[in-house]
C-alpha atoms as a PDB file:
ATOM      1  CA  GLU A   1       0.350  -0.173   0.239  1.00  0.00           C
ATOM      2  CA  LEU A   2       2.980   2.355   0.780  1.00  0.00           C
ATOM      3  CA  LEU A   3       4.444   2.055  -2.550  1.00  0.00           C
ATOM      4  CA  SER A   4       1.101   2.513  -4.284  1.00  0.00           C
ATOM      5  CA  PHE A   5       1.517   6.140  -3.714  1.00  0.00           C
ATOM      6  CA  SER A   6       4.721   8.232  -4.306  1.00  0.00           C
ATOM      7  CA  PRO A   7       4.104  11.442  -3.095  1.00  0.00           C
ATOM      8  CA  LEU A   8       7.204  12.218  -5.727  1.00  0.00           C
ATOM      9  CA  LYS A   9       4.653  12.897  -8.406  1.00  0.00           C
ATOM     10  CA  ASN A  10       3.510  16.240  -6.678  1.00  0.00           C
ATOM     11  CA  CYS A  11       6.898  17.043  -5.076  1.00  0.00           C
ATOM     12  CA  SER A  12       7.752  20.749  -4.878  1.00  0.00           C
ATOM     13  CA  SER A  13      10.484  22.384  -2.957  1.00  0.00           C
ATOM     14  CA  HIS A  14       7.984  23.567   0.170  1.00  0.00           C
ATOM     15  CA  PRO A  15       9.666  22.312   3.178  1.00  0.00           C
ATOM     16  CA  LEU A  16       6.262  19.795   4.149  1.00  0.00           C
ATOM     17  CA  ALA A  17       6.365  18.752   0.999  1.00  0.00           C
ATOM     18  CA  LEU A  18      10.109  17.610   1.372  1.00  0.00           C
ATOM     19  CA  LEU A  19       9.057  16.550   5.139  1.00  0.00           C
ATOM     20  CA  HIS A  20       6.469  13.932   3.663  1.00  0.00           C
ATOM     21  CA  VAL A  21       8.750  12.702   1.085  1.00  0.00           C
ATOM     22  CA  SER A  22      11.511  12.056   3.951  1.00  0.00           C
ATOM     23  CA  SER A  23       8.621  10.126   6.262  1.00  0.00           C
ATOM     24  CA  TRP A  24       7.756   7.881   3.072  1.00  0.00           C
ATOM     25  CA  ILE A  25      10.909   6.658   2.015  1.00  0.00           C
ATOM     26  CA  VAL A  26      11.575   6.098   6.004  1.00  0.00           C
ATOM     27  CA  ALA A  27       8.569   4.162   6.204  1.00  0.00           C
ATOM     28  CA  CYS A  28       8.860   2.305   2.804  1.00  0.00           C
ATOM     29  CA  GLU A  29      12.517   1.347   4.249  1.00  0.00           C
ATOM     30  CA  ARG A  30      10.883   0.037   7.510  1.00  0.00           C
ATOM     31  CA  SER A  31       8.459  -2.056   5.545  1.00  0.00           C
ATOM     32  CA  ALA A  32      11.092  -3.816   3.353  1.00  0.00           C
ATOM     33  CA  ALA A  33      12.775  -4.296   6.392  1.00  0.00           C
ATOM     34  CA  ARG A  34      10.175  -6.064   8.072  1.00  0.00           C
ATOM     35  CA  LYS A  35       9.308  -8.189   4.944  1.00  0.00           C
ATOM     36  CA  MET A  36      13.207  -8.969   4.876  1.00  0.00           C
ATOM     37  CA  ALA A  37      13.354 -10.413   8.126  1.00  0.00           C
ATOM     38  CA  ALA A  38       9.875 -12.388   7.818  1.00  0.00           C
ATOM     39  CA  GLY A  39      11.509 -13.773   4.858  1.00  0.00           C
ATOM     40  CA  VAL A  40      14.674 -14.991   7.025  1.00  0.00           C
ATOM     41  CA  GLU A  41      12.819 -16.089   9.764  1.00  0.00           C
ATOM     42  CA  ARG A  42      10.842 -18.463   7.352  1.00  0.00           C
ATOM     43  CA  VAL A  43      14.192 -19.950   5.506  1.00  0.00           C
ATOM     44  CA  LEU A  44      15.533 -20.534   8.943  1.00  0.00           C
ATOM     45  CA  ALA A  45      12.036 -22.299  10.287  1.00  0.00           C
ATOM     46  CA  ASP A  46      12.306 -24.487   6.854  1.00  0.00           C
ATOM     47  CA  GLN A  47      15.598 -25.391   7.148  1.00  0.00           C
ATOM     48  CA  VAL A  48      15.468 -26.500  10.728  1.00  0.00           C
ATOM     49  CA  LEU A  49      11.908 -28.320  10.032  1.00  0.00           C
ATOM     50  CA  LYS A  50      14.058 -30.166   7.524  1.00  0.00           C
ATOM     51  CA  VAL A  51      17.046 -31.007   9.238  1.00  0.00           C
ATOM     52  CA  ALA A  52      14.903 -32.375  12.311  1.00  0.00           C
ATOM     53  CA  THR A  53      12.619 -34.243   9.618  1.00  0.00           C
ATOM     54  CA  ALA A  54      15.926 -36.037   8.408  1.00  0.00           C
ATOM     55  CA  MET A  55      16.865 -36.821  11.898  1.00  0.00           C
ATOM     56  CA  GLU A  56      13.504 -38.448  12.960  1.00  0.00           C
ATOM     57  CA  ALA A  57      13.589 -40.344   9.586  1.00  0.00           C
ATOM     58  CA  GLU A  58      17.372 -41.763  10.578  1.00  0.00           C
ATOM     59  CA  LEU A  59      15.925 -42.290  14.311  1.00  0.00           C
ATOM     60  CA  ASP A  60      13.389 -44.385  12.544  1.00  0.00           C
ATOM     61  CA  ARG A  61      15.363 -46.220  10.337  1.00  0.00           C
ATOM     62  CA  GLU A  62      17.585 -47.227  13.166  1.00  0.00           C
ATOM     63  CA  ILE A  63      15.071 -48.608  15.064  1.00  0.00           C
ATOM     64  CA  GLU A  64      13.577 -50.202  11.985  1.00  0.00           C
ATOM     65  CA  LYS A  65      17.129 -52.329  11.765  1.00  0.00           C
ATOM     66  CA  LEU A  66      16.699 -52.916  15.460  1.00  0.00           C
ATOM     67  CA  ASP A  67      13.677 -54.281  15.333  1.00  0.00           C
ATOM     68  CA  LYS A  68      14.325 -56.768  12.594  1.00  0.00           C
ATOM     69  CA  MET A  69      17.786 -58.026  14.143  1.00  0.00           C
ATOM     70  CA  ASP A  70      17.632 -61.446  15.694  1.00  0.00           C
ATOM     71  CA  ASP A  71      18.989 -62.520  19.464  1.00  0.00           C
ATOM     72  CA  ASP A  72      22.686 -63.321  17.244  1.00  0.00           C
ATOM     73  CA  GLU A  73      22.656 -60.062  15.560  1.00  0.00           C
ATOM     74  CA  LEU A  74      22.148 -58.270  18.771  1.00  0.00           C
ATOM     75  CA  GLU A  75      24.444 -60.286  20.782  1.00  0.00           C
ATOM     76  CA  GLY A  76      27.240 -59.616  18.175  1.00  0.00           C
ATOM     77  CA  ILE A  77      26.546 -55.882  18.693  1.00  0.00           C
ATOM     78  CA  ARG A  78      26.811 -56.061  22.357  1.00  0.00           C
ATOM     79  CA  GLU A  79      30.084 -58.270  22.118  1.00  0.00           C
ATOM     80  CA  ARG A  80      31.527 -55.482  19.630  1.00  0.00           C
ATOM     81  CA  ARG A  81      30.955 -52.561  22.080  1.00  0.00           C
ATOM     82  CA  LEU A  82      32.462 -54.523  24.959  1.00  0.00           C
ATOM     83  CA  GLN A  83      35.375 -55.355  22.901  1.00  0.00           C
ATOM     84  CA  GLN A  84      35.764 -51.721  22.606  1.00  0.00           C
ATOM     85  CA  MET A  85      34.995 -50.641  25.906  1.00  0.00           C
ATOM     86  CA  LYS A  86      37.721 -53.046  26.862  1.00  0.00           C
ATOM     87  CA  LYS A  87      40.325 -51.475  24.317  1.00  0.00           C
ATOM     88  CA  GLU A  88      39.874 -48.286  25.716  1.00  0.00           C
ATOM     89  CA  ALA A  89      40.176 -49.338  29.214  1.00  0.00           C
ATOM     90  CA  ASP A  90      43.505 -51.345  28.069  1.00  0.00           C
ATOM     91  CA  GLN A  91      44.626 -47.971  26.351  1.00  0.00           C
ATOM     92  CA  LYS A  92      43.706 -45.927  29.176  1.00  0.00           C
ATOM     93  CA  ARG A  93      45.668 -48.093  31.679  1.00  0.00           C
ATOM     94  CA  ASP A  94      48.570 -48.077  29.065  1.00  0.00           C
ATOM     95  CA  PHE A  95      48.731 -44.334  29.373  1.00  0.00           C
ATOM     96  CA  ILE A  96      48.733 -44.139  32.875  1.00  0.00           C
ATOM     97  CA  GLN A  97      51.476 -46.619  32.844  1.00  0.00           C
ATOM     98  CA  LYS A  98      53.450 -44.647  30.553  1.00  0.00           C
ATOM     99  CA  GLY A  99      52.894 -41.367  32.810  1.00  0.00           C
ATOM    100  CA  HIS A 100      49.951 -39.831  31.302  1.00  0.00           C
ATOM    101  CA  GLY A 101      47.206 -38.289  33.409  1.00  0.00           C
ATOM    102  CA  GLU A 102      49.796 -35.821  35.207  1.00  0.00           C
ATOM    103  CA  TYR A 103      52.120 -33.107  34.471  1.00  0.00           C
ATOM    104  CA  LYS A 104      55.512 -33.478  35.604  1.00  0.00           C
ATOM    105  CA  GLU A 105      58.977 -32.303  35.306  1.00  0.00           C
ATOM    106  CA  ILE A 106      61.571 -33.866  33.370  1.00  0.00           C
ATOM    107  CA  GLY A 107      65.346 -33.670  34.749  1.00  0.00           C
ATOM    108  CA  SER A 108      67.397 -33.866  31.653  1.00  0.00           C
ATOM    109  CA  GLU A 109      67.829 -33.437  27.910  1.00  0.00           C
ATOM    110  CA  LYS A 110      68.069 -37.573  27.200  1.00  0.00           C
ATOM    111  CA  ASP A 111      64.585 -37.738  29.328  1.00  0.00           C
ATOM    112  CA  PHE A 112      62.841 -35.396  26.604  1.00  0.00           C
ATOM    113  CA  PHE A 113      64.153 -37.937  23.776  1.00  0.00           C
ATOM    114  CA  ASP A 114      62.970 -41.059  25.905  1.00  0.00           C
ATOM    115  CA  GLU A 115      59.633 -39.200  26.546  1.00  0.00           C
ATOM    116  CA  ALA A 116      58.896 -37.919  22.961  1.00  0.00           C
ATOM    117  CA  LYS A 117      59.802 -41.783  21.869  1.00  0.00           C
ATOM    118  CA  ASN A 118      57.384 -43.666  24.274  1.00  0.00           C
ATOM    119  CA  SER A 119      54.072 -41.808  23.551  1.00  0.00           C
ATOM    120  CA  PRO A 120      52.258 -40.860  20.632  1.00  0.00           C
ATOM    121  CA  ARG A 121      51.194 -37.290  21.436  1.00  0.00           C
ATOM    122  CA  VAL A 122      53.523 -35.022  23.821  1.00  0.00           C
ATOM    123  CA  VAL A 123      53.353 -31.312  24.955  1.00  0.00           C
ATOM    124  CA  ILE A 124      56.599 -29.935  26.534  1.00  0.00           C
ATOM    125  CA  HIS A 125      56.503 -26.725  28.029  1.00  0.00           C
ATOM    126  CA  PHE A 126      59.965 -25.202  28.048  1.00  0.00           C
ATOM    127  CA  TYR A 127      60.139 -22.695  31.239  1.00  0.00           C
ATOM    128  CA  ARG A 128      62.477 -20.685  33.387  1.00  0.00           C
ATOM    129  CA  PRO A 129      61.872 -20.771  37.458  1.00  0.00           C
ATOM    130  CA  THR A 130      62.330 -17.088  37.477  1.00  0.00           C
ATOM    131  CA  THR A 131      59.337 -15.988  34.991  1.00  0.00           C
ATOM    132  CA  VAL A 132      55.914 -15.683  36.411  1.00  0.00           C
ATOM    133  CA  ARG A 133      54.255 -16.322  33.199  1.00  0.00           C
ATOM    134  CA  CYS A 134      55.841 -20.046  33.181  1.00  0.00           C
ATOM    135  CA  GLU A 135      53.570 -20.735  36.278  1.00  0.00           C
ATOM    136  CA  ILE A 136      50.876 -19.602  34.590  1.00  0.00           C
ATOM    137  CA  VAL A 137      51.320 -22.367  31.721  1.00  0.00           C
ATOM    138  CA  ASP A 138      51.776 -24.673  34.710  1.00  0.00           C
ATOM    139  CA  LYS A 139      48.594 -24.218  36.361  1.00  0.00           C
ATOM    140  CA  HIS A 140      46.541 -24.991  32.894  1.00  0.00           C
ATOM    141  CA  LEU A 141      48.776 -27.989  31.908  1.00  0.00           C
ATOM    142  CA  LYS A 142      47.916 -29.458  35.162  1.00  0.00           C
ATOM    143  CA  ILE A 143      44.514 -29.429  34.793  1.00  0.00           C
ATOM    144  CA  LEU A 144      44.654 -30.400  31.221  1.00  0.00           C
ATOM    145  CA  ALA A 145      46.934 -33.265  31.668  1.00  0.00           C
ATOM    146  CA  ALA A 146      44.396 -35.077  34.228  1.00  0.00           C
ATOM    147  CA  LYS A 147      41.780 -34.421  31.374  1.00  0.00           C
ATOM    148  CA  HIS A 148      43.333 -35.698  28.266  1.00  0.00           C
ATOM    149  CA  LEU A 149      45.223 -39.159  29.191  1.00  0.00           C
ATOM    150  CA  GLU A 150      45.773 -39.582  25.308  1.00  0.00           C
ATOM    151  CA  THR A 151      48.647 -37.007  25.730  1.00  0.00           C
ATOM    152  CA  LYS A 152      51.726 -36.479  27.794  1.00  0.00           C
ATOM    153  CA  PHE A 153      52.402 -33.089  29.544  1.00  0.00           C
ATOM    154  CA  ILE A 154      56.043 -32.447  30.667  1.00  0.00           C
ATOM    155  CA  LYS A 155      58.090 -29.631  31.301  1.00  0.00           C
ATOM    156  CA  LEU A 156      61.902 -28.714  30.774  1.00  0.00           C
ATOM    157  CA  ASN A 157      63.788 -26.009  32.279  1.00  0.00           C
ATOM    158  CA  ALA A 158      65.107 -24.169  29.717  1.00  0.00           C
ATOM    159  CA  GLU A 159      68.377 -22.892  31.293  1.00  0.00           C
ATOM    160  CA  LYS A 160      69.625 -26.231  32.079  1.00  0.00           C
ATOM    161  CA  SER A 161      68.723 -27.814  28.515  1.00  0.00           C
ATOM    162  CA  PRO A 162      71.291 -25.392  26.213  1.00  0.00           C
ATOM    163  CA  PHE A 163      71.657 -28.050  22.810  1.00  0.00           C
ATOM    164  CA  LEU A 164      67.718 -28.176  23.123  1.00  0.00           C
ATOM    165  CA  THR A 165      66.664 -24.782  22.985  1.00  0.00           C
ATOM    166  CA  GLU A 166      69.489 -24.218  20.565  1.00  0.00           C
ATOM    167  CA  ARG A 167      68.116 -27.331  18.130  1.00  0.00           C
ATOM    168  CA  LEU A 168      64.505 -26.431  18.625  1.00  0.00           C
ATOM    169  CA  ASN A 169      65.050 -22.641  18.721  1.00  0.00           C
ATOM    170  CA  ILE A 170      63.527 -21.769  21.451  1.00  0.00           C
ATOM    171  CA  LYS A 171      64.112 -18.312  21.998  1.00  0.00           C
ATOM    172  CA  VAL A 172      60.760 -17.117  23.868  1.00  0.00           C
ATOM    173  CA  ILE A 173      59.714 -18.367  27.490  1.00  0.00           C
ATOM    174  CA  PRO A 174      57.498 -19.855  27.911  1.00  0.00           C
ATOM    175  CA  THR A 175      57.292 -21.969  24.765  1.00  0.00           C
ATOM    176  CA  ILE A 176      55.367 -24.901  24.206  1.00  0.00           C
ATOM    177  CA  LEU A 177      55.863 -27.642  21.715  1.00  0.00           C
ATOM    178  CA  MET A 178      53.436 -30.053  20.595  1.00  0.00           C
ATOM    179  CA  PHE A 179      54.821 -33.526  19.685  1.00  0.00           C
ATOM    180  CA  LYS A 180      52.981 -36.452  17.163  1.00  0.00           C
ATOM    181  CA  ASP A 181      55.062 -39.676  16.786  1.00  0.00           C
ATOM    182  CA  SER A 182      58.070 -38.097  17.903  1.00  0.00           C
ATOM    183  CA  VAL A 183      57.743 -35.194  15.441  1.00  0.00           C
ATOM    184  CA  THR A 184      57.201 -31.391  16.215  1.00  0.00           C
ATOM    185  CA  ASN A 185      54.116 -30.533  14.460  1.00  0.00           C
ATOM    186  CA  ASP A 186      53.442 -27.269  16.609  1.00  0.00           C
ATOM    187  CA  ARG A 187      54.372 -24.896  18.894  1.00  0.00           C
ATOM    188  CA  ILE A 188      52.667 -21.852  21.151  1.00  0.00           C
ATOM    189  CA  VAL A 189      55.393 -19.044  21.371  1.00  0.00           C
ATOM    190  CA  GLY A 190      54.338 -16.846  24.536  1.00  0.00           C
ATOM    191  CA  PHE A 191      51.137 -15.852  24.922  1.00  0.00           C
ATOM    192  CA  ASP A 192      50.353 -14.268  21.905  1.00  0.00           C
ATOM    193  CA  ASP A 193      48.078 -17.367  20.662  1.00  0.00           C
ATOM    194  CA  LEU A 194      46.378 -17.788  23.481  1.00  0.00           C
ATOM    195  CA  GLY A 195      44.548 -13.911  23.122  1.00  0.00           C
ATOM    196  CA  GLY A 196      48.097 -11.930  24.413  1.00  0.00           C
ATOM    197  CA  THR A 197      46.912 -11.715  27.997  1.00  0.00           C
ATOM    198  CA  ASP A 198      47.961 -13.208  31.235  1.00  0.00           C
ATOM    199  CA  ASP A 199      44.442 -14.304  32.413  1.00  0.00           C
ATOM    200  CA  PHE A 200      43.567 -16.704  29.217  1.00  0.00           C
ATOM    201  CA  SER A 201      41.512 -19.701  30.370  1.00  0.00           C
ATOM    202  CA  THR A 202      42.190 -23.301  30.416  1.00  0.00           C
ATOM    203  CA  GLU A 203      39.998 -23.764  27.382  1.00  0.00           C
ATOM    204  CA  MET A 204      41.919 -21.247  25.405  1.00  0.00           C
ATOM    205  CA  LEU A 205      44.734 -23.316  25.884  1.00  0.00           C
ATOM    206  CA  ALA A 206      42.581 -26.428  25.183  1.00  0.00           C
ATOM    207  CA  TRP A 207      41.674 -24.994  22.084  1.00  0.00           C
ATOM    208  CA  ARG A 208      45.111 -24.070  20.811  1.00  0.00           C
ATOM    209  CA  LEU A 209      46.417 -27.328  21.725  1.00  0.00           C
ATOM    210  CA  GLY A 210      43.646 -29.606  19.709  1.00  0.00           C
ATOM    211  CA  ARG A 211      43.914 -27.529  16.309  1.00  0.00           C
ATOM    212  CA  LYS A 212      46.454 -29.731  15.466  1.00  0.00           C
ATOM    213  CA  GLY A 213      45.119 -32.778  17.319  1.00  0.00           C
ATOM    214  CA  THR A 214      47.800 -32.815  19.868  1.00  0.00           C
ATOM    215  CA  ILE A 215      44.660 -33.660  22.230  1.00  0.00           C
ATOM    216  CA  ASN A 216      41.489 -34.738  21.597  1.00  0.00           C
ATOM    217  CA  TYR A 217      39.483 -31.521  21.907  1.00  0.00           C
ATOM    218  CA  LYS A 218      36.014 -31.218  21.455  1.00  0.00           C
ATOM    219  CA  GLY A 219      35.109 -27.841  22.490  1.00  0.00           C
ATOM    220  CA  PRO A 220      33.970 -24.867  20.159  1.00  0.00           C
ATOM    221  CA  VAL A 221      35.580 -24.173  16.831  1.00  0.00           C
ATOM    222  CA  ASP A 222      36.646 -20.259  17.574  1.00  0.00           C
ATOM    223  CA  PRO A 223      38.609 -19.531  20.522  1.00  0.00           C
ATOM    224  CA  PRO A 224      37.604 -17.634  23.753  1.00  0.00           C
ATOM    225  CA  LEU A 225      38.332 -13.993  23.649  1.00  0.00           C
ATOM    226  CA  ASN A 226      40.671 -12.515  26.235  1.00  0.00           C
ATOM    227  CA  ALA A 227      41.463  -9.380  27.551  1.00  0.00           C
ATOM    228  CA  PRO A 228      44.287  -7.044  26.040  1.00  0.00           C
ATOM    229  CA  LYS A 229      47.914  -8.547  25.703  1.00  0.00           C
ATOM    230  CA  LYS A 230      50.932  -8.297  27.936  1.00  0.00           C
ATOM    231  CA  ARG A 231      54.402  -8.564  27.772  1.00  0.00           C
ATOM    232  CA  THR A 232      56.461 -12.318  27.057  1.00  0.00           C
ATOM    233  CA  THR A 233      60.127 -12.950  28.009  1.00  0.00           C
ATOM    234  CA  VAL A 234      62.540 -13.412  25.109  1.00  0.00           C
ATOM    235  CA  LEU A 235      65.880 -15.715  25.510  1.00  0.00           C
ATOM    236  CA  HIS A 236      68.532 -14.724  23.147  1.00  0.00           C
ATOM    237  CA  GLY A 237      71.838 -16.407  23.829  1.00  0.00           C
ATOM    238  CA  ARG A 238      72.621 -16.277  27.314  1.00  0.00           C
ATOM    239  CA  ARG A 239      70.284 -13.730  28.195  1.00  0.00           C
ATOM    240  CA  ALA A 240      66.621 -13.098  28.830  1.00  0.00           C
ATOM    241  CA  ILE A 241      64.774  -9.961  26.654  1.00  0.00           C
ATOM    242  CA  ARG A 242      61.756  -8.722  27.386  1.00  0.00           C
ATOM    243  CA  ASP A 243      59.924  -6.762  24.859  1.00  0.00           C
ATOM    244  CA  ASP A 244      59.587  -3.492  26.755  1.00  0.00           C
ATOM    245  CA  GLY A 245      63.286  -3.390  26.259  1.00  0.00           C
ATOM    246  CA  SER A 246      64.502  -4.402  29.488  1.00  0.00           C
ATOM    247  CA  ASP A 247      66.681  -8.025  29.808  1.00  0.00           C
ATOM    248  CA  ASP A 248      67.794  -9.897  32.692  1.00  0.00           C
ATOM    249  CA  ASP A 249      70.444 -12.228  32.675  1.00  0.00           C
ATOM    250  CA  PHE A 250      70.285 -15.951  33.203  1.00  0.00           C
ATOM    251  CA  ASP A 251      71.180 -17.472  36.893  1.00  0.00           C
ATOM    252  CA  ASP A 252      74.911 -19.276  36.475  1.00  0.00           C
END
């Protein structure tokens, strides 16, 4: 109805006429917006209905399939499920025997090679005892180690590991390296990948570790939001340099 009458036909330069035209344009825009919103809602409703219908149909097919099975087939399903549960329990027991489920410090560079070789997935935190941000990482990794038995979580003092820090190009403390099948497949340098803040959540770290499959992460695809970034400690030779320009000597 709004579009059936156009005040532009008799529009003059009179202020009241211009005001009338402006009101007519706004009314048209609002009407179009309402129609568009209604259209979007209808499309979404149709999509939800289609998904729900498809899920219901799939469920009906599964129920019908079960109804047609005889006792031997049902027993076969039950047996396969029991075997799967037994396999998972054995794997969990094996992980625990290898030290999974806890976050611990290893004493030497040699221990690092043993840990990387004996576990398919390893997370190692290169830390320095005097760096507060390493304590933040410790807190989160301890929580994740208990939740993710599929991955080994360890830490190593970077000051006492000159060969590895050089070979693995460790220049920023804290640095977290991720290994799969004894090969480095990802790293977290400082806190930039965690939102650039000291106050990142354990969920944020879990999300980041899960990006390359280092842990079995089942959370949201998008990362959580964090506060503004803060400084990180950087290693350079035998000195630690912070990005604010100050530096600290390593302890001898």
